[in-house]
Amino acid sequence: MENNSILLEKIEDCRDTLITLSNSHGLTTEVVIQTSKKLDKLLNEYNSNFISY
């Protein structure tokens, strides 16, 4: 499990990249979809750090 501050930084970087790519390539291109999936994975990892069982 990564440090949450490092994970938050990765999330912000990925979000910025996603916005830039979607503005230049459109929402349905492969590169945008793959970046969106990467962001989803990072967000899921971040959220799982706060789930207690």
C-alpha atoms as a PDB file:
ATOM      1  CA  MET A   1       0.000   0.000   0.000  1.00  0.00           C
ATOM      2  CA  GLU A   2       1.406   3.346  -1.027  1.00  0.00           C
ATOM      3  CA  ASN A   3       1.585   6.388   1.171  1.00  0.00           C
ATOM      4  CA  ASN A   4      -1.666   8.325   0.705  1.00  0.00           C
ATOM      5  CA  SER A   5       0.102  11.580  -0.126  1.00  0.00           C
ATOM      6  CA  ILE A   6       2.068   9.870  -2.906  1.00  0.00           C
ATOM      7  CA  LEU A   7      -1.108   8.239  -4.148  1.00  0.00           C
ATOM      8  CA  LEU A   8      -2.933  11.584  -4.143  1.00  0.00           C
ATOM      9  CA  GLU A   9      -0.122  13.099  -6.190  1.00  0.00           C
ATOM     10  CA  LYS A  10      -0.389  10.275  -8.722  1.00  0.00           C
ATOM     11  CA  ILE A  11      -4.168  10.788  -8.881  1.00  0.00           C
ATOM     12  CA  GLU A  12      -3.759  14.511  -9.564  1.00  0.00           C
ATOM     13  CA  ASP A  13      -1.114  13.888 -12.230  1.00  0.00           C
ATOM     14  CA  CYS A  14      -3.268  11.282 -13.925  1.00  0.00           C
ATOM     15  CA  ARG A  15      -6.336  13.531 -13.772  1.00  0.00           C
ATOM     16  CA  ASP A  16      -4.383  16.394 -15.369  1.00  0.00           C
ATOM     17  CA  THR A  17      -3.133  14.062 -18.082  1.00  0.00           C
ATOM     18  CA  LEU A  18      -6.643  12.785 -18.714  1.00  0.00           C
ATOM     19  CA  ILE A  19      -8.006  16.308 -19.103  1.00  0.00           C
ATOM     20  CA  THR A  20      -5.217  17.290 -21.495  1.00  0.00           C
ATOM     21  CA  LEU A  21      -5.609  14.141 -23.583  1.00  0.00           C
ATOM     22  CA  SER A  22      -9.385  14.371 -23.756  1.00  0.00           C
ATOM     23  CA  ASN A  23      -9.168  17.983 -24.922  1.00  0.00           C
ATOM     24  CA  SER A  24      -6.736  17.131 -27.694  1.00  0.00           C
ATOM     25  CA  HIS A  25      -7.877  13.635 -28.741  1.00  0.00           C
ATOM     26  CA  GLY A  26     -11.564  13.381 -27.854  1.00  0.00           C
ATOM     27  CA  LEU A  27     -13.245  11.248 -25.235  1.00  0.00           C
ATOM     28  CA  THR A  28     -13.451   7.959 -27.115  1.00  0.00           C
ATOM     29  CA  THR A  29      -9.851   7.474 -28.238  1.00  0.00           C
ATOM     30  CA  GLU A  30      -7.874   4.532 -26.899  1.00  0.00           C
ATOM     31  CA  VAL A  31      -5.295   6.692 -25.117  1.00  0.00           C
ATOM     32  CA  VAL A  32      -8.021   8.581 -23.236  1.00  0.00           C
ATOM     33  CA  ILE A  33      -9.841   5.391 -22.292  1.00  0.00           C
ATOM     34  CA  GLN A  34      -6.636   3.766 -21.018  1.00  0.00           C
ATOM     35  CA  THR A  35      -5.759   6.861 -18.987  1.00  0.00           C
ATOM     36  CA  SER A  36      -9.274   6.910 -17.544  1.00  0.00           C
ATOM     37  CA  LYS A  37      -8.889   3.276 -16.503  1.00  0.00           C
ATOM     38  CA  LYS A  38      -5.568   4.106 -14.870  1.00  0.00           C
ATOM     39  CA  LEU A  39      -7.232   6.935 -12.934  1.00  0.00           C
ATOM     40  CA  ASP A  40     -10.055   4.584 -11.882  1.00  0.00           C
ATOM     41  CA  LYS A  41      -7.502   2.115 -10.568  1.00  0.00           C
ATOM     42  CA  LEU A  42      -5.688   4.808  -8.586  1.00  0.00           C
ATOM     43  CA  LEU A  43      -8.956   6.109  -7.120  1.00  0.00           C
ATOM     44  CA  ASN A  44     -10.041   2.595  -6.156  1.00  0.00           C
ATOM     45  CA  GLU A  45      -6.702   2.022  -4.454  1.00  0.00           C
ATOM     46  CA  TYR A  46      -7.026   5.303  -2.569  1.00  0.00           C
ATOM     47  CA  ASN A  47     -10.598   4.496  -1.496  1.00  0.00           C
ATOM     48  CA  SER A  48      -9.641   1.010  -0.362  1.00  0.00           C
ATOM     49  CA  ASN A  49      -7.164   2.552   2.074  1.00  0.00           C
ATOM     50  CA  PHE A  50     -10.121   3.937   4.036  1.00  0.00           C
ATOM     51  CA  ILE A  51     -12.328   0.857   4.127  1.00  0.00           C
ATOM     52  CA  SER A  52     -12.196  -0.997   7.396  1.00  0.00           C
ATOM     53  CA  TYR A  53     -13.489  -4.501   7.788  1.00  0.00           C
END
